[in-house]
C-alpha atoms as a PDB file:
ATOM      1  CA  MET A   1       0.053   0.041   0.108  1.00  0.00           C
ATOM      2  CA  ARG A   2       2.882   2.469   0.625  1.00  0.00           C
ATOM      3  CA  THR A   3       4.393   1.735  -2.546  1.00  0.00           C
ATOM      4  CA  THR A   4       1.370   2.488  -4.501  1.00  0.00           C
ATOM      5  CA  GLY A   5       0.593   5.704  -2.540  1.00  0.00           C
ATOM      6  CA  MET A   6       4.196   7.018  -3.087  1.00  0.00           C
ATOM      7  CA  LEU A   7       3.811   6.004  -6.711  1.00  0.00           C
ATOM      8  CA  ALA A   8       0.585   7.945  -6.904  1.00  0.00           C
ATOM      9  CA  LEU A   9       2.104  10.986  -5.288  1.00  0.00           C
ATOM     10  CA  ILE A  10       5.197  11.061  -7.560  1.00  0.00           C
ATOM     11  CA  GLY A  11       2.980  10.406 -10.666  1.00  0.00           C
ATOM     12  CA  GLY A  12       0.697  13.286  -9.487  1.00  0.00           C
ATOM     13  CA  LEU A  13       3.444  15.650  -9.126  1.00  0.00           C
ATOM     14  CA  ALA A  14       4.860  14.853 -12.432  1.00  0.00           C
ATOM     15  CA  LEU A  15       1.550  15.614 -13.972  1.00  0.00           C
ATOM     16  CA  ILE A  16       1.436  18.944 -12.169  1.00  0.00           C
ATOM     17  CA  ALA A  17       5.177  19.866 -13.069  1.00  0.00           C
ATOM     18  CA  GLY A  18       4.937  18.717 -16.502  1.00  0.00           C
ATOM     19  CA  PRO A  19       4.077  21.850 -18.333  1.00  0.00           C
ATOM     20  CA  ALA A  20       6.277  23.823 -15.906  1.00  0.00           C
ATOM     21  CA  MET A  21       9.237  21.615 -16.437  1.00  0.00           C
ATOM     22  CA  ALA A  22       8.877  21.879 -20.177  1.00  0.00           C
ATOM     23  CA  GLU A  23       9.350  25.696 -19.907  1.00  0.00           C
ATOM     24  CA  GLY A  24      11.976  25.464 -17.216  1.00  0.00           C
ATOM     25  CA  PRO A  25      15.730  24.509 -17.124  1.00  0.00           C
ATOM     26  CA  LYS A  26      16.947  21.866 -19.302  1.00  0.00           C
ATOM     27  CA  LEU A  27      17.766  18.971 -17.030  1.00  0.00           C
ATOM     28  CA  GLU A  28      18.160  15.760 -19.227  1.00  0.00           C
ATOM     29  CA  THR A  29      21.491  14.625 -18.125  1.00  0.00           C
ATOM     30  CA  THR A  30      24.144  14.556 -15.230  1.00  0.00           C
ATOM     31  CA  ALA A  31      26.133  17.121 -17.271  1.00  0.00           C
ATOM     32  CA  ASP A  32      23.072  19.318 -17.438  1.00  0.00           C
ATOM     33  CA  LEU A  33      22.845  19.171 -13.508  1.00  0.00           C
ATOM     34  CA  ILE A  34      26.613  19.799 -13.184  1.00  0.00           C
ATOM     35  CA  ALA A  35      26.178  23.067 -15.304  1.00  0.00           C
ATOM     36  CA  TYR A  36      23.884  24.509 -12.633  1.00  0.00           C
ATOM     37  CA  CYS A  37      26.042  23.080  -9.783  1.00  0.00           C
ATOM     38  CA  ASP A  38      29.649  24.134 -10.818  1.00  0.00           C
ATOM     39  CA  ASN A  39      28.898  27.748 -10.393  1.00  0.00           C
ATOM     40  CA  ASP A  40      29.624  28.138 -14.258  1.00  0.00           C
ATOM     41  CA  GLY A  41      26.366  27.163 -15.457  1.00  0.00           C
ATOM     42  CA  PRO A  42      24.068  28.157 -18.001  1.00  0.00           C
ATOM     43  CA  VAL A  43      22.137  30.681 -15.922  1.00  0.00           C
ATOM     44  CA  GLY A  44      23.064  34.246 -15.724  1.00  0.00           C
ATOM     45  CA  ASP A  45      23.220  34.495 -11.983  1.00  0.00           C
ATOM     46  CA  VAL A  46      25.542  31.807 -10.359  1.00  0.00           C
ATOM     47  CA  ARG A  47      23.185  32.066  -7.108  1.00  0.00           C
ATOM     48  CA  ASP A  48      20.310  31.128  -9.340  1.00  0.00           C
ATOM     49  CA  GLY A  49      22.103  27.891 -10.461  1.00  0.00           C
ATOM     50  CA  GLN A  50      23.235  26.961  -6.905  1.00  0.00           C
ATOM     51  CA  ASN A  51      19.671  27.330  -5.889  1.00  0.00           C
ATOM     52  CA  PHE A  52      18.445  25.107  -8.609  1.00  0.00           C
ATOM     53  CA  CYS A  53      21.283  22.402  -7.850  1.00  0.00           C
ATOM     54  CA  ASP A  54      20.490  22.617  -3.978  1.00  0.00           C
ATOM     55  CA  GLY A  55      16.734  22.240  -4.623  1.00  0.00           C
ATOM     56  CA  PHE A  56      17.437  19.122  -6.880  1.00  0.00           C
ATOM     57  CA  ILE A  57      19.954  17.694  -4.301  1.00  0.00           C
ATOM     58  CA  MET A  58      17.518  18.313  -1.150  1.00  0.00           C
ATOM     59  CA  GLY A  59      14.468  17.119  -3.093  1.00  0.00           C
ATOM     60  CA  SER A  60      16.315  13.929  -4.171  1.00  0.00           C
ATOM     61  CA  GLY A  61      17.784  13.270  -0.780  1.00  0.00           C
ATOM     62  CA  LEU A  62      14.471  13.634   0.940  1.00  0.00           C
ATOM     63  CA  LEU A  63      12.626  11.272  -1.415  1.00  0.00           C
ATOM     64  CA  TYR A  64      15.569   8.921  -0.980  1.00  0.00           C
ATOM     65  CA  LEU A  65      15.369   8.885   2.885  1.00  0.00           C
ATOM     66  CA  GLU A  66      11.536   8.319   2.822  1.00  0.00           C
ATOM     67  CA  LEU A  67      12.053   5.255   0.430  1.00  0.00           C
ATOM     68  CA  VAL A  68      14.715   4.135   2.852  1.00  0.00           C
ATOM     69  CA  ALA A  69      12.472   4.419   5.827  1.00  0.00           C
ATOM     70  CA  ALA A  70       9.669   2.848   4.089  1.00  0.00           C
ATOM     71  CA  GLY A  71      11.787  -0.218   3.314  1.00  0.00           C
ATOM     72  CA  GLU A  72      11.313   0.286  -0.669  1.00  0.00           C
ATOM     73  CA  ILE A  73      14.970   0.658  -1.425  1.00  0.00           C
ATOM     74  CA  LYS A  74      18.352  -0.037   0.258  1.00  0.00           C
ATOM     75  CA  ARG A  75      20.684   2.477   1.625  1.00  0.00           C
ATOM     76  CA  ILE A  76      23.279   3.386  -0.991  1.00  0.00           C
ATOM     77  CA  ALA A  77      24.870   6.294   0.704  1.00  0.00           C
ATOM     78  CA  CYS A  78      25.658   6.763   4.418  1.00  0.00           C
ATOM     79  CA  ALA A  79      26.972   9.965   5.238  1.00  0.00           C
ATOM     80  CA  ASP A  80      27.705  10.799   8.949  1.00  0.00           C
ATOM     81  CA  PRO A  81      27.212  13.496   9.468  1.00  0.00           C
ATOM     82  CA  THR A  82      24.976  14.509   6.731  1.00  0.00           C
ATOM     83  CA  PRO A  83      26.802  16.902   4.459  1.00  0.00           C
ATOM     84  CA  THR A  84      25.596  20.634   3.816  1.00  0.00           C
ATOM     85  CA  LEU A  85      24.067  21.421   0.719  1.00  0.00           C
ATOM     86  CA  ALA A  86      26.984  23.286  -0.277  1.00  0.00           C
ATOM     87  CA  GLN A  87      29.137  20.149   0.658  1.00  0.00           C
ATOM     88  CA  ALA A  88      26.982  17.740  -1.370  1.00  0.00           C
ATOM     89  CA  ARG A  89      27.149  20.089  -4.282  1.00  0.00           C
ATOM     90  CA  THR A  90      30.794  20.211  -4.316  1.00  0.00           C
ATOM     91  CA  ASP A  91      31.151  16.609  -3.842  1.00  0.00           C
ATOM     92  CA  LEU A  92      28.909  16.044  -7.019  1.00  0.00           C
ATOM     93  CA  VAL A  93      30.808  18.420  -8.948  1.00  0.00           C
ATOM     94  CA  THR A  94      34.045  16.724  -7.960  1.00  0.00           C
ATOM     95  CA  TRP A  95      32.872  13.257  -8.714  1.00  0.00           C
ATOM     96  CA  ALA A  96      31.487  14.448 -12.089  1.00  0.00           C
ATOM     97  CA  GLY A  97      35.115  15.684 -12.943  1.00  0.00           C
ATOM     98  CA  LYS A  98      36.458  12.405 -12.138  1.00  0.00           C
ATOM     99  CA  HIS A  99      33.665  10.328 -14.105  1.00  0.00           C
ATOM    100  CA  PRO A 100      32.938  11.881 -17.433  1.00  0.00           C
ATOM    101  CA  GLU A 101      31.675   8.493 -18.570  1.00  0.00           C
ATOM    102  CA  HIS A 102      28.385   9.141 -16.601  1.00  0.00           C
ATOM    103  CA  LEU A 103      27.859  12.680 -17.562  1.00  0.00           C
ATOM    104  CA  GLN A 104      25.296  11.523 -20.231  1.00  0.00           C
ATOM    105  CA  SER A 105      23.269   9.472 -17.676  1.00  0.00           C
ATOM    106  CA  LYS A 106      20.078  10.746 -16.055  1.00  0.00           C
ATOM    107  CA  PRO A 107      20.698  13.530 -13.441  1.00  0.00           C
ATOM    108  CA  ILE A 108      19.447  11.242 -10.693  1.00  0.00           C
ATOM    109  CA  ASP A 109      21.560   8.488 -11.538  1.00  0.00           C
ATOM    110  CA  GLY A 110      24.591  10.703 -11.614  1.00  0.00           C
ATOM    111  CA  LEU A 111      23.582  12.362  -8.118  1.00  0.00           C
ATOM    112  CA  TRP A 112      23.173   8.944  -6.531  1.00  0.00           C
ATOM    113  CA  ARG A 113      26.376   7.465  -8.203  1.00  0.00           C
ATOM    114  CA  ALA A 114      28.315  10.411  -6.748  1.00  0.00           C
ATOM    115  CA  MET A 115      26.897  10.118  -3.143  1.00  0.00           C
ATOM    116  CA  ALA A 116      27.185   6.271  -3.106  1.00  0.00           C
ATOM    117  CA  GLU A 117      30.934   6.780  -3.954  1.00  0.00           C
ATOM    118  CA  THR A 118      31.623   9.746  -1.845  1.00  0.00           C
ATOM    119  CA  TYR A 119      29.785   8.338   1.174  1.00  0.00           C
ATOM    120  CA  PRO A 120      29.970   4.539   0.976  1.00  0.00           C
ATOM    121  CA  CYS A 121      27.901   2.365   3.372  1.00  0.00           C
ATOM    122  CA  PRO A 122      29.939   0.033   5.589  1.00  0.00           C
ATOM    123  CA  LYS A 123      29.892  -3.627   4.114  1.00  0.00           C
END
C-alpha cells in the first residue's frame, strides 16, 4: 500500500510539474545538472544555478530518505554527519570531474552514483 501511495504521489507531482518543466531549465543529463551546480552554469546568476542545484539535491535526498525509511529501497549512501547542501554540491561536481563516462546518464543517476561513491555504506 505504501508503494502504491508513493507512486501515486510521484505520478501526480509529475503531472502537475510537466508543463512547468517543459518551460524550465534543461535537465536531461548529469552534465546538465553539473552545469547548474559548478558555478559556471547556463544561468546568468551563479546563485540561481546554485539554488536550482540545491533544490534538486534536497528533493532527491528527501525522497531517498523516505524510500529507505519505508523499506522500499536499500541505503546506497551513508553520510555521517549529513553533508550541507554546499558540501553535497561540491562533492557532486568533484565526482563528475572524475567520471566523465557518466555525464550523459540521467541526473538522478549521476547524483546517487556520486553520493554512493563519496559516502559509501559499511559492508
